[in-house]
Amino acid sequence: MLDVKNKSKAVLSYEMTLERASNKEFAKHLAIYHENICFRETWKKRIRAVDDSEYCFWVFKGNNRIGGVVFKKNAFMSLFTIPPFIDENLLLEKIVKLFMDHAAKGEVINAFGILPSQAEHLLKLGFIPLKTRRCMIRPTERFAHIQWDEYMKISRPNSQYIDDISKLFFENYDNLGFDGLNTLDEQLKSVTKYFRDNDSDTLLNEASSIVFDSSDEVIAACLISSWEGMPLVYDVAVSSEYRRKGLATKMLKHALHTLREKYDFLRLFVYVGNPAESVYDKLGFFPGIKTTNFYYFKS
C-alpha cells in the first residue's frame, strides 16, 4: 500500500518526482487547470474543492512543475497538467506504476472522478470502470399552475415520513440510482441525514415535496438540500406503478418555482444511464462533464 500520509516526496521516473503541496496553494492551480465539473459558481467555492484531509502533490519534471494530483489511501484523483506540459497519459502511467509498485497482491487501487480525456488511457492500463456520473444545472424559474391529479395529496416532507421515503427510494433504485449500496438500512441512513442537515431551512423544505395516493401511501418524493450554500436535488424518486405520469417533472418544477425567490439555479448529480437523465434533459437541465470511478485489482 502506498503510504501517502507520511510521504513528502516520491520518484515517478528518472526525471519526474512528486512533492507534497500545501493544500491552499494546490487548490488555486486545481481550480484553474482542472475542469469545473460541479458548476461551482464562484472562485472561493472552486478553491475550496480540496479538503484539508486530502494529500496534494505537485508533479515535477526536473525543476519544472508540470501538474498535480490528489492522493487518498490506495486512490488518486483530480489529476491535472500545467501548460506547456499537456501529456496527461504520461502522468497517468507514472502514477499508476507508483501505486502498482507499492500494492500488495489482492489490494485494490482506485481512481476517482476521472475525466473523459483520461478515461480511455486508464482503460488501456487495465483499470475497470464503475459508475459514470455528471452534475446538471438549470436556472430557477416561475412555473404557474402545476396540475396534480385529483386523487393525489402533495405535502412538504418532514421527519415523520423518514421510513416511508426510505422504503420508496430503496424499492425504486437500482445500481444506477444510489451512490452506495442500495439497502433499506443505507437508504434510511441517507434520508435521516437529509432531515438532520436540512430540516431547519424553511425554503428548502417548501421546495421539497412528497406525494401520496388516495390510500395515503407515499408514491413519490423530491428532497432539496443545500450544498456549498446553494440548492441541490438530494434525491428524487417515483414509485414504479406511477412512473411516466410526469410526477418527477412536476416535483422538480415545484422546486424550481419555489427556490427562485432566493436562488438563481438548482443543481443535481445523475449517473449516466439512469432513466432519470431524460427527465432532467427535457426539463432543461444542462449536463456537465462526465466523470468515472475506476478500480484495479492487483492479482
C-alpha atoms as a PDB file:
ATOM      1  CA  MET A   1       0.000   0.000   0.000  1.00  0.00           C
ATOM      2  CA  LEU A   2       1.239   3.476  -0.871  1.00  0.00           C
ATOM      3  CA  ASP A   3       1.582   5.435   2.391  1.00  0.00           C
ATOM      4  CA  VAL A   4       0.889   8.986   1.191  1.00  0.00           C
ATOM      5  CA  LYS A   5       0.196  10.245   4.712  1.00  0.00           C
ATOM      6  CA  ASN A   6       3.864  10.042   5.658  1.00  0.00           C
ATOM      7  CA  LYS A   7       5.336  10.877   2.252  1.00  0.00           C
ATOM      8  CA  SER A   8       6.704  14.248   1.261  1.00  0.00           C
ATOM      9  CA  LYS A   9       8.406  13.058  -1.938  1.00  0.00           C
ATOM     10  CA  ALA A  10       8.256  10.158  -4.369  1.00  0.00           C
ATOM     11  CA  VAL A  11      10.130   9.251  -7.545  1.00  0.00           C
ATOM     12  CA  LEU A  12       7.987   8.694 -10.642  1.00  0.00           C
ATOM     13  CA  SER A  13      10.816   8.211 -13.147  1.00  0.00           C
ATOM     14  CA  TYR A  14      14.426   9.216 -13.638  1.00  0.00           C
ATOM     15  CA  GLU A  15      13.223  12.752 -14.454  1.00  0.00           C
ATOM     16  CA  MET A  16       9.821  13.036 -12.709  1.00  0.00           C
ATOM     17  CA  THR A  17       9.118  13.422  -8.999  1.00  0.00           C
ATOM     18  CA  LEU A  18       6.163  14.026  -6.696  1.00  0.00           C
ATOM     19  CA  GLU A  19       6.427  16.627  -3.942  1.00  0.00           C
ATOM     20  CA  ARG A  20       3.879  17.339  -1.217  1.00  0.00           C
ATOM     21  CA  ALA A  21       1.991  20.588  -1.837  1.00  0.00           C
ATOM     22  CA  SER A  22       0.275  22.942   0.540  1.00  0.00           C
ATOM     23  CA  ASN A  23      -3.445  22.352   0.056  1.00  0.00           C
ATOM     24  CA  LYS A  24      -4.137  26.087  -0.167  1.00  0.00           C
ATOM     25  CA  GLU A  25      -1.587  26.678  -2.937  1.00  0.00           C
ATOM     26  CA  PHE A  26      -2.576  23.473  -4.723  1.00  0.00           C
ATOM     27  CA  ALA A  27      -6.275  24.440  -4.692  1.00  0.00           C
ATOM     28  CA  LYS A  28      -5.616  27.567  -6.788  1.00  0.00           C
ATOM     29  CA  HIS A  29      -3.958  25.520  -9.513  1.00  0.00           C
ATOM     30  CA  LEU A  30      -6.636  22.820  -9.402  1.00  0.00           C
ATOM     31  CA  ALA A  31      -9.340  25.464  -9.844  1.00  0.00           C
ATOM     32  CA  ILE A  32      -7.624  26.840 -12.952  1.00  0.00           C
ATOM     33  CA  TYR A  33      -6.261  23.728 -14.660  1.00  0.00           C
ATOM     34  CA  HIS A  34      -8.940  21.152 -13.838  1.00  0.00           C
ATOM     35  CA  GLU A  35     -12.464  21.155 -15.285  1.00  0.00           C
ATOM     36  CA  ASN A  36     -15.205  22.836 -13.244  1.00  0.00           C
ATOM     37  CA  ILE A  37     -17.230  19.616 -13.196  1.00  0.00           C
ATOM     38  CA  CYS A  38     -19.648  20.704 -10.444  1.00  0.00           C
ATOM     39  CA  PHE A  39     -20.551  24.136 -11.868  1.00  0.00           C
ATOM     40  CA  ARG A  40     -19.069  25.910  -8.848  1.00  0.00           C
ATOM     41  CA  GLU A  41     -20.154  29.475  -9.425  1.00  0.00           C
ATOM     42  CA  THR A  42     -17.517  31.442  -7.516  1.00  0.00           C
ATOM     43  CA  TRP A  43     -13.756  31.423  -7.266  1.00  0.00           C
ATOM     44  CA  LYS A  44     -13.987  30.971  -3.496  1.00  0.00           C
ATOM     45  CA  LYS A  45     -16.001  27.780  -3.862  1.00  0.00           C
ATOM     46  CA  ARG A  46     -13.734  26.426  -6.588  1.00  0.00           C
ATOM     47  CA  ILE A  47     -10.639  26.717  -4.410  1.00  0.00           C
ATOM     48  CA  ARG A  48     -12.466  25.072  -1.506  1.00  0.00           C
ATOM     49  CA  ALA A  49     -12.821  21.871  -3.541  1.00  0.00           C
ATOM     50  CA  VAL A  50      -9.694  20.478  -1.879  1.00  0.00           C
ATOM     51  CA  ASP A  51     -10.289  19.206   1.633  1.00  0.00           C
ATOM     52  CA  ASP A  52      -7.744  19.572   4.424  1.00  0.00           C
ATOM     53  CA  SER A  53      -7.774  15.808   4.916  1.00  0.00           C
ATOM     54  CA  GLU A  54      -6.615  15.153   1.343  1.00  0.00           C
ATOM     55  CA  TYR A  55      -2.983  14.811   0.308  1.00  0.00           C
ATOM     56  CA  CYS A  56      -1.972  17.045  -2.564  1.00  0.00           C
ATOM     57  CA  PHE A  57       1.195  16.548  -4.602  1.00  0.00           C
ATOM     58  CA  TRP A  58       2.920  18.502  -7.336  1.00  0.00           C
ATOM     59  CA  VAL A  59       4.442  16.652 -10.277  1.00  0.00           C
ATOM     60  CA  PHE A  60       7.879  17.951 -11.232  1.00  0.00           C
ATOM     61  CA  LYS A  61       9.876  17.235 -14.356  1.00  0.00           C
ATOM     62  CA  GLY A  62      13.340  18.269 -13.393  1.00  0.00           C
ATOM     63  CA  ASN A  63      12.849  21.657 -11.767  1.00  0.00           C
ATOM     64  CA  ASN A  64       9.641  22.446 -13.635  1.00  0.00           C
ATOM     65  CA  ARG A  65       6.219  21.958 -12.039  1.00  0.00           C
ATOM     66  CA  ILE A  66       4.131  20.237 -14.718  1.00  0.00           C
ATOM     67  CA  GLY A  67       0.994  19.059 -12.896  1.00  0.00           C
ATOM     68  CA  GLY A  68      -0.688  17.912  -9.736  1.00  0.00           C
ATOM     69  CA  VAL A  69      -2.658  15.032  -8.244  1.00  0.00           C
ATOM     70  CA  VAL A  70      -4.600  14.302  -5.051  1.00  0.00           C
ATOM     71  CA  PHE A  71      -3.931  11.067  -3.198  1.00  0.00           C
ATOM     72  CA  LYS A  72      -6.030   9.172  -0.699  1.00  0.00           C
ATOM     73  CA  LYS A  73      -5.496   5.729   0.769  1.00  0.00           C
ATOM     74  CA  ASN A  74      -4.897   3.466  -2.246  1.00  0.00           C
ATOM     75  CA  ALA A  75      -6.542   6.026  -4.532  1.00  0.00           C
ATOM     76  CA  PHE A  76      -5.788   9.034  -6.697  1.00  0.00           C
ATOM     77  CA  MET A  77      -7.984  11.779  -8.154  1.00  0.00           C
ATOM     78  CA  SER A  78      -8.034  15.328  -9.588  1.00  0.00           C
ATOM     79  CA  LEU A  79      -5.068  14.822 -11.922  1.00  0.00           C
ATOM     80  CA  PHE A  80      -4.201  17.914 -13.988  1.00  0.00           C
ATOM     81  CA  THR A  81      -1.338  19.227 -16.098  1.00  0.00           C
ATOM     82  CA  ILE A  82       0.173  22.708 -16.172  1.00  0.00           C
ATOM     83  CA  PRO A  83       0.924  24.149 -19.641  1.00  0.00           C
ATOM     84  CA  PRO A  84       3.055  23.974 -21.629  1.00  0.00           C
ATOM     85  CA  PHE A  85       3.146  20.341 -20.427  1.00  0.00           C
ATOM     86  CA  ILE A  86      -0.056  18.610 -21.606  1.00  0.00           C
ATOM     87  CA  ASP A  87       0.697  14.874 -21.641  1.00  0.00           C
ATOM     88  CA  GLU A  88      -1.916  13.551 -19.170  1.00  0.00           C
ATOM     89  CA  ASN A  89      -1.378   9.991 -20.347  1.00  0.00           C
ATOM     90  CA  LEU A  90       2.278  10.029 -19.399  1.00  0.00           C
ATOM     91  CA  LEU A  91       1.418  11.257 -15.879  1.00  0.00           C
ATOM     92  CA  LEU A  92      -1.251   8.574 -15.550  1.00  0.00           C
ATOM     93  CA  GLU A  93       1.225   5.860 -16.497  1.00  0.00           C
ATOM     94  CA  LYS A  94       3.788   7.036 -13.962  1.00  0.00           C
ATOM     95  CA  ILE A  95       1.271   7.452 -11.132  1.00  0.00           C
ATOM     96  CA  VAL A  96      -0.331   4.062 -11.813  1.00  0.00           C
ATOM     97  CA  LYS A  97       3.110   2.424 -11.817  1.00  0.00           C
ATOM     98  CA  LEU A  98       3.875   4.034  -8.448  1.00  0.00           C
ATOM     99  CA  PHE A  99       0.722   2.504  -6.982  1.00  0.00           C
ATOM    100  CA  MET A 100       1.408  -0.873  -8.591  1.00  0.00           C
ATOM    101  CA  ASP A 101       4.906  -0.943  -7.139  1.00  0.00           C
ATOM    102  CA  HIS A 102       3.549  -0.404  -3.618  1.00  0.00           C
ATOM    103  CA  ALA A 103       0.356  -2.501  -3.811  1.00  0.00           C
ATOM    104  CA  ALA A 104       0.318  -5.992  -2.369  1.00  0.00           C
ATOM    105  CA  LYS A 105      -1.409  -8.918  -4.043  1.00  0.00           C
ATOM    106  CA  GLY A 106      -5.175  -8.651  -3.570  1.00  0.00           C
ATOM    107  CA  GLU A 107      -5.182  -4.897  -2.963  1.00  0.00           C
ATOM    108  CA  VAL A 108      -7.499  -2.592  -4.917  1.00  0.00           C
ATOM    109  CA  ILE A 109      -6.278   0.660  -6.436  1.00  0.00           C
ATOM    110  CA  ASN A 110      -8.984   3.278  -7.037  1.00  0.00           C
ATOM    111  CA  ALA A 111      -9.088   6.227  -9.411  1.00  0.00           C
ATOM    112  CA  PHE A 112     -11.888   8.675  -8.615  1.00  0.00           C
ATOM    113  CA  GLY A 113     -13.562  11.313 -10.799  1.00  0.00           C
ATOM    114  CA  ILE A 114     -11.641  10.513 -13.967  1.00  0.00           C
ATOM    115  CA  LEU A 115     -12.339  12.886 -16.873  1.00  0.00           C
ATOM    116  CA  PRO A 116     -13.181  11.604 -20.382  1.00  0.00           C
ATOM    117  CA  SER A 117      -9.785  12.772 -21.645  1.00  0.00           C
ATOM    118  CA  GLN A 118      -8.124  10.445 -19.122  1.00  0.00           C
ATOM    119  CA  ALA A 119     -10.582   7.538 -19.107  1.00  0.00           C
ATOM    120  CA  GLU A 120      -9.536   5.806 -22.334  1.00  0.00           C
ATOM    121  CA  HIS A 121      -5.907   5.616 -21.293  1.00  0.00           C
ATOM    122  CA  LEU A 122      -6.811   4.307 -17.853  1.00  0.00           C
ATOM    123  CA  LEU A 123      -8.747   1.506 -19.574  1.00  0.00           C
ATOM    124  CA  LYS A 124      -5.618   0.656 -21.550  1.00  0.00           C
ATOM    125  CA  LEU A 125      -3.721   0.436 -18.267  1.00  0.00           C
ATOM    126  CA  GLY A 126      -6.092  -2.298 -17.112  1.00  0.00           C
ATOM    127  CA  PHE A 127      -8.459  -0.315 -14.884  1.00  0.00           C
ATOM    128  CA  ILE A 128     -12.127  -1.284 -14.739  1.00  0.00           C
ATOM    129  CA  PRO A 129     -14.822   1.432 -14.853  1.00  0.00           C
ATOM    130  CA  LEU A 130     -17.506   1.688 -12.206  1.00  0.00           C
ATOM    131  CA  LYS A 131     -20.260   4.311 -12.273  1.00  0.00           C
ATOM    132  CA  THR A 132     -20.092   7.369 -14.502  1.00  0.00           C
ATOM    133  CA  ARG A 133     -21.899  10.460 -13.319  1.00  0.00           C
ATOM    134  CA  ARG A 134     -22.196  14.147 -14.014  1.00  0.00           C
ATOM    135  CA  CYS A 135     -23.569  17.318 -12.493  1.00  0.00           C
ATOM    136  CA  MET A 136     -26.509  19.066 -14.191  1.00  0.00           C
ATOM    137  CA  ILE A 137     -27.708  22.611 -13.682  1.00  0.00           C
ATOM    138  CA  ARG A 138     -30.747  24.703 -14.527  1.00  0.00           C
ATOM    139  CA  PRO A 139     -31.919  28.265 -13.779  1.00  0.00           C
ATOM    140  CA  THR A 140     -34.767  28.571 -11.312  1.00  0.00           C
ATOM    141  CA  GLU A 141     -37.992  29.780 -12.915  1.00  0.00           C
ATOM    142  CA  ARG A 142     -41.591  30.630 -12.254  1.00  0.00           C
ATOM    143  CA  PHE A 143     -43.984  27.805 -13.175  1.00  0.00           C
ATOM    144  CA  ALA A 144     -47.647  28.688 -12.859  1.00  0.00           C
ATOM    145  CA  HIS A 145     -50.466  26.184 -12.497  1.00  0.00           C
ATOM    146  CA  ILE A 146     -48.672  22.893 -11.845  1.00  0.00           C
ATOM    147  CA  GLN A 147     -51.531  20.418 -12.265  1.00  0.00           C
ATOM    148  CA  TRP A 148     -51.678  17.397  -9.936  1.00  0.00           C
ATOM    149  CA  ASP A 149     -54.140  14.518 -10.263  1.00  0.00           C
ATOM    150  CA  GLU A 150     -57.213  14.975  -8.095  1.00  0.00           C
ATOM    151  CA  TYR A 151     -56.646  11.830  -6.034  1.00  0.00           C
ATOM    152  CA  MET A 152     -53.078  12.807  -5.091  1.00  0.00           C
ATOM    153  CA  LYS A 153     -52.126  14.724  -1.977  1.00  0.00           C
ATOM    154  CA  ILE A 154     -48.985  16.884  -2.039  1.00  0.00           C
ATOM    155  CA  SER A 155     -47.165  17.783   1.156  1.00  0.00           C
ATOM    156  CA  ARG A 156     -43.870  19.125   2.451  1.00  0.00           C
ATOM    157  CA  PRO A 157     -41.704  16.258   3.690  1.00  0.00           C
ATOM    158  CA  ASN A 158     -40.893  16.072   7.383  1.00  0.00           C
ATOM    159  CA  SER A 159     -39.099  13.613   9.617  1.00  0.00           C
ATOM    160  CA  GLN A 160     -42.248  11.619  10.372  1.00  0.00           C
ATOM    161  CA  TYR A 161     -42.016  10.255   6.813  1.00  0.00           C
ATOM    162  CA  ILE A 162     -38.403   9.045   7.066  1.00  0.00           C
ATOM    163  CA  ASP A 163     -39.367   5.355   6.963  1.00  0.00           C
ATOM    164  CA  ASP A 164     -41.795   5.818   4.057  1.00  0.00           C
ATOM    165  CA  ILE A 165     -39.354   7.844   1.961  1.00  0.00           C
ATOM    166  CA  SER A 166     -36.512   5.415   2.685  1.00  0.00           C
ATOM    167  CA  LYS A 167     -38.655   2.493   1.569  1.00  0.00           C
ATOM    168  CA  LEU A 168     -39.647   4.357  -1.615  1.00  0.00           C
ATOM    169  CA  PHE A 169     -36.017   5.076  -2.503  1.00  0.00           C
ATOM    170  CA  PHE A 170     -34.944   1.507  -1.715  1.00  0.00           C
ATOM    171  CA  GLU A 171     -37.676  -0.074  -3.841  1.00  0.00           C
ATOM    172  CA  ASN A 172     -37.209   2.213  -6.813  1.00  0.00           C
ATOM    173  CA  TYR A 173     -33.451   2.473  -7.192  1.00  0.00           C
ATOM    174  CA  ASP A 174     -31.115   0.121  -8.992  1.00  0.00           C
ATOM    175  CA  ASN A 175     -27.324   0.246  -9.193  1.00  0.00           C
ATOM    176  CA  LEU A 176     -27.546   3.443 -11.245  1.00  0.00           C
ATOM    177  CA  GLY A 177     -29.744   5.262  -8.803  1.00  0.00           C
ATOM    178  CA  PHE A 178     -27.972   5.383  -5.460  1.00  0.00           C
ATOM    179  CA  ASP A 179     -24.478   6.470  -4.519  1.00  0.00           C
ATOM    180  CA  GLY A 180     -23.583   3.426  -2.465  1.00  0.00           C
ATOM    181  CA  LEU A 181     -25.026   0.048  -1.592  1.00  0.00           C
ATOM    182  CA  ASN A 182     -28.788   0.173  -2.115  1.00  0.00           C
ATOM    183  CA  THR A 183     -30.149  -1.454   1.029  1.00  0.00           C
ATOM    184  CA  LEU A 184     -33.063  -0.317   3.136  1.00  0.00           C
ATOM    185  CA  ASP A 185     -30.675   0.392   6.008  1.00  0.00           C
ATOM    186  CA  GLU A 186     -28.414   2.572   3.838  1.00  0.00           C
ATOM    187  CA  GLN A 187     -31.392   4.479   2.456  1.00  0.00           C
ATOM    188  CA  LEU A 188     -32.662   5.001   5.998  1.00  0.00           C
ATOM    189  CA  LYS A 189     -29.280   6.452   6.998  1.00  0.00           C
ATOM    190  CA  SER A 190     -29.254   8.703   3.925  1.00  0.00           C
ATOM    191  CA  VAL A 191     -32.775  10.073   4.446  1.00  0.00           C
ATOM    192  CA  THR A 192     -32.166  10.527   8.189  1.00  0.00           C
ATOM    193  CA  LYS A 193     -29.024  12.516   7.361  1.00  0.00           C
ATOM    194  CA  TYR A 194     -31.006  14.659   4.934  1.00  0.00           C
ATOM    195  CA  PHE A 195     -33.503  15.713   7.610  1.00  0.00           C
ATOM    196  CA  ARG A 196     -30.769  16.211  10.186  1.00  0.00           C
ATOM    197  CA  ASP A 197     -28.835  18.542   7.875  1.00  0.00           C
ATOM    198  CA  ASN A 198     -31.685  20.424   6.165  1.00  0.00           C
ATOM    199  CA  ASP A 199     -34.740  20.340   8.409  1.00  0.00           C
ATOM    200  CA  SER A 200     -34.221  23.885   9.716  1.00  0.00           C
ATOM    201  CA  ASP A 201     -34.167  25.559   6.270  1.00  0.00           C
ATOM    202  CA  THR A 202     -37.736  26.672   5.578  1.00  0.00           C
ATOM    203  CA  LEU A 203     -37.239  27.429   1.884  1.00  0.00           C
ATOM    204  CA  LEU A 204     -35.600  24.064   1.161  1.00  0.00           C
ATOM    205  CA  ASN A 205     -38.487  22.371   2.983  1.00  0.00           C
ATOM    206  CA  GLU A 206     -41.020  24.298   0.902  1.00  0.00           C
ATOM    207  CA  ALA A 207     -39.177  23.395  -2.314  1.00  0.00           C
ATOM    208  CA  SER A 208     -39.236  19.697  -1.396  1.00  0.00           C
ATOM    209  CA  SER A 209     -42.323  17.572  -1.886  1.00  0.00           C
ATOM    210  CA  ILE A 210     -43.870  14.234  -1.030  1.00  0.00           C
ATOM    211  CA  VAL A 211     -46.812  12.760  -2.964  1.00  0.00           C
ATOM    212  CA  PHE A 212     -49.470  10.420  -1.554  1.00  0.00           C
ATOM    213  CA  ASP A 213     -52.051   8.375  -3.417  1.00  0.00           C
ATOM    214  CA  SER A 214     -55.701   8.015  -2.399  1.00  0.00           C
ATOM    215  CA  SER A 215     -54.713   5.395   0.202  1.00  0.00           C
ATOM    216  CA  ASP A 216     -52.169   7.770   1.800  1.00  0.00           C
ATOM    217  CA  GLU A 217     -49.277   5.670   0.507  1.00  0.00           C
ATOM    218  CA  VAL A 218     -46.099   7.577  -0.390  1.00  0.00           C
ATOM    219  CA  ILE A 219     -45.695   7.270  -4.162  1.00  0.00           C
ATOM    220  CA  ALA A 220     -43.132   9.993  -4.916  1.00  0.00           C
ATOM    221  CA  ALA A 221     -40.686  12.275  -3.148  1.00  0.00           C
ATOM    222  CA  CYS A 222     -38.254  15.043  -4.055  1.00  0.00           C
ATOM    223  CA  LEU A 223     -35.819  16.279  -1.412  1.00  0.00           C
ATOM    224  CA  ILE A 224     -33.960  19.566  -1.912  1.00  0.00           C
ATOM    225  CA  SER A 225     -30.802  20.097   0.138  1.00  0.00           C
ATOM    226  CA  SER A 226     -28.083  22.730   0.423  1.00  0.00           C
ATOM    227  CA  TRP A 227     -24.598  22.120  -0.941  1.00  0.00           C
ATOM    228  CA  GLU A 228     -21.888  24.793  -0.960  1.00  0.00           C
ATOM    229  CA  GLY A 229     -24.567  27.287   0.050  1.00  0.00           C
ATOM    230  CA  MET A 230     -26.764  26.622  -2.994  1.00  0.00           C
ATOM    231  CA  PRO A 231     -29.702  24.234  -3.562  1.00  0.00           C
ATOM    232  CA  LEU A 232     -29.099  20.680  -4.743  1.00  0.00           C
ATOM    233  CA  VAL A 233     -31.543  17.874  -5.550  1.00  0.00           C
ATOM    234  CA  TYR A 234     -30.655  15.463  -2.772  1.00  0.00           C
ATOM    235  CA  ASP A 235     -32.901  12.715  -4.101  1.00  0.00           C
ATOM    236  CA  VAL A 236     -35.989  12.223  -6.232  1.00  0.00           C
ATOM    237  CA  ALA A 237     -37.956   9.029  -6.850  1.00  0.00           C
ATOM    238  CA  VAL A 238     -41.340   7.879  -8.114  1.00  0.00           C
ATOM    239  CA  SER A 239     -42.946   4.528  -7.342  1.00  0.00           C
ATOM    240  CA  SER A 240     -42.739   2.203 -10.355  1.00  0.00           C
ATOM    241  CA  GLU A 241     -46.516   1.967 -10.882  1.00  0.00           C
ATOM    242  CA  TYR A 242     -46.824   5.773 -11.061  1.00  0.00           C
ATOM    243  CA  ARG A 243     -43.976   6.468 -13.477  1.00  0.00           C
ATOM    244  CA  ARG A 244     -44.489   8.160 -16.850  1.00  0.00           C
ATOM    245  CA  LYS A 245     -47.199  10.341 -15.342  1.00  0.00           C
ATOM    246  CA  GLY A 246     -44.958  13.400 -15.074  1.00  0.00           C
ATOM    247  CA  LEU A 247     -44.620  13.295 -11.270  1.00  0.00           C
ATOM    248  CA  ALA A 248     -40.835  13.811 -11.226  1.00  0.00           C
ATOM    249  CA  THR A 249     -41.182  16.739 -13.630  1.00  0.00           C
ATOM    250  CA  LYS A 250     -43.916  18.322 -11.513  1.00  0.00           C
ATOM    251  CA  MET A 251     -41.905  17.957  -8.281  1.00  0.00           C
ATOM    252  CA  LEU A 252     -38.844  19.493  -9.920  1.00  0.00           C
ATOM    253  CA  LYS A 253     -40.906  22.342 -11.376  1.00  0.00           C
ATOM    254  CA  HIS A 254     -42.273  22.952  -7.898  1.00  0.00           C
ATOM    255  CA  ALA A 255     -38.715  23.123  -6.554  1.00  0.00           C
ATOM    256  CA  LEU A 256     -37.526  25.470  -9.315  1.00  0.00           C
ATOM    257  CA  HIS A 257     -40.562  27.708  -8.809  1.00  0.00           C
ATOM    258  CA  THR A 258     -40.192  27.857  -5.014  1.00  0.00           C
ATOM    259  CA  LEU A 259     -36.429  28.420  -4.982  1.00  0.00           C
ATOM    260  CA  ARG A 260     -36.500  31.302  -7.477  1.00  0.00           C
ATOM    261  CA  GLU A 261     -37.161  33.926  -4.783  1.00  0.00           C
ATOM    262  CA  LYS A 262     -33.675  33.395  -3.335  1.00  0.00           C
ATOM    263  CA  TYR A 263     -31.562  31.282  -5.694  1.00  0.00           C
ATOM    264  CA  ASP A 264     -30.573  31.581  -9.354  1.00  0.00           C
ATOM    265  CA  PHE A 265     -30.084  27.890 -10.119  1.00  0.00           C
ATOM    266  CA  LEU A 266     -30.605  24.312  -8.993  1.00  0.00           C
ATOM    267  CA  ARG A 267     -28.021  21.536  -9.376  1.00  0.00           C
ATOM    268  CA  LEU A 268     -28.228  17.758  -9.248  1.00  0.00           C
ATOM    269  CA  PHE A 269     -25.993  14.738  -9.797  1.00  0.00           C
ATOM    270  CA  VAL A 270     -27.051  11.837 -12.001  1.00  0.00           C
ATOM    271  CA  TYR A 271     -25.451   8.559 -13.006  1.00  0.00           C
ATOM    272  CA  VAL A 272     -25.130   8.166 -16.758  1.00  0.00           C
ATOM    273  CA  GLY A 273     -27.632   5.557 -17.932  1.00  0.00           C
ATOM    274  CA  ASN A 274     -30.173   6.328 -15.235  1.00  0.00           C
ATOM    275  CA  PRO A 275     -33.593   6.788 -16.923  1.00  0.00           C
ATOM    276  CA  ALA A 276     -33.997   9.984 -14.879  1.00  0.00           C
ATOM    277  CA  GLU A 277     -31.428  11.628 -17.170  1.00  0.00           C
ATOM    278  CA  SER A 278     -34.056  12.060 -19.876  1.00  0.00           C
ATOM    279  CA  VAL A 279     -36.430  13.726 -17.390  1.00  0.00           C
ATOM    280  CA  TYR A 280     -33.767  16.243 -16.404  1.00  0.00           C
ATOM    281  CA  ASP A 281     -32.828  16.851 -20.030  1.00  0.00           C
ATOM    282  CA  LYS A 282     -36.427  17.550 -21.098  1.00  0.00           C
ATOM    283  CA  LEU A 283     -36.807  19.941 -18.180  1.00  0.00           C
ATOM    284  CA  GLY A 284     -33.836  21.982 -19.384  1.00  0.00           C
ATOM    285  CA  PHE A 285     -31.060  20.860 -17.058  1.00  0.00           C
ATOM    286  CA  PHE A 286     -27.692  21.412 -18.722  1.00  0.00           C
ATOM    287  CA  PRO A 287     -25.265  18.455 -18.460  1.00  0.00           C
ATOM    288  CA  GLY A 288     -21.749  18.892 -17.150  1.00  0.00           C
ATOM    289  CA  ILE A 289     -18.683  16.801 -17.946  1.00  0.00           C
ATOM    290  CA  LYS A 290     -18.856  13.083 -17.212  1.00  0.00           C
ATOM    291  CA  THR A 291     -16.533  11.638 -14.591  1.00  0.00           C
ATOM    292  CA  THR A 292     -15.949   7.949 -13.934  1.00  0.00           C
ATOM    293  CA  ASN A 293     -14.626   5.997 -10.975  1.00  0.00           C
ATOM    294  CA  PHE A 294     -12.224   3.182 -11.841  1.00  0.00           C
ATOM    295  CA  TYR A 295     -10.581   0.383  -9.912  1.00  0.00           C
ATOM    296  CA  TYR A 296      -7.731  -2.091 -10.441  1.00  0.00           C
ATOM    297  CA  PHE A 297      -7.426  -5.377  -8.541  1.00  0.00           C
ATOM    298  CA  LYS A 298      -3.812  -6.461  -8.226  1.00  0.00           C
ATOM    299  CA  SER A 299      -3.796 -10.199  -8.696  1.00  0.00           C
END
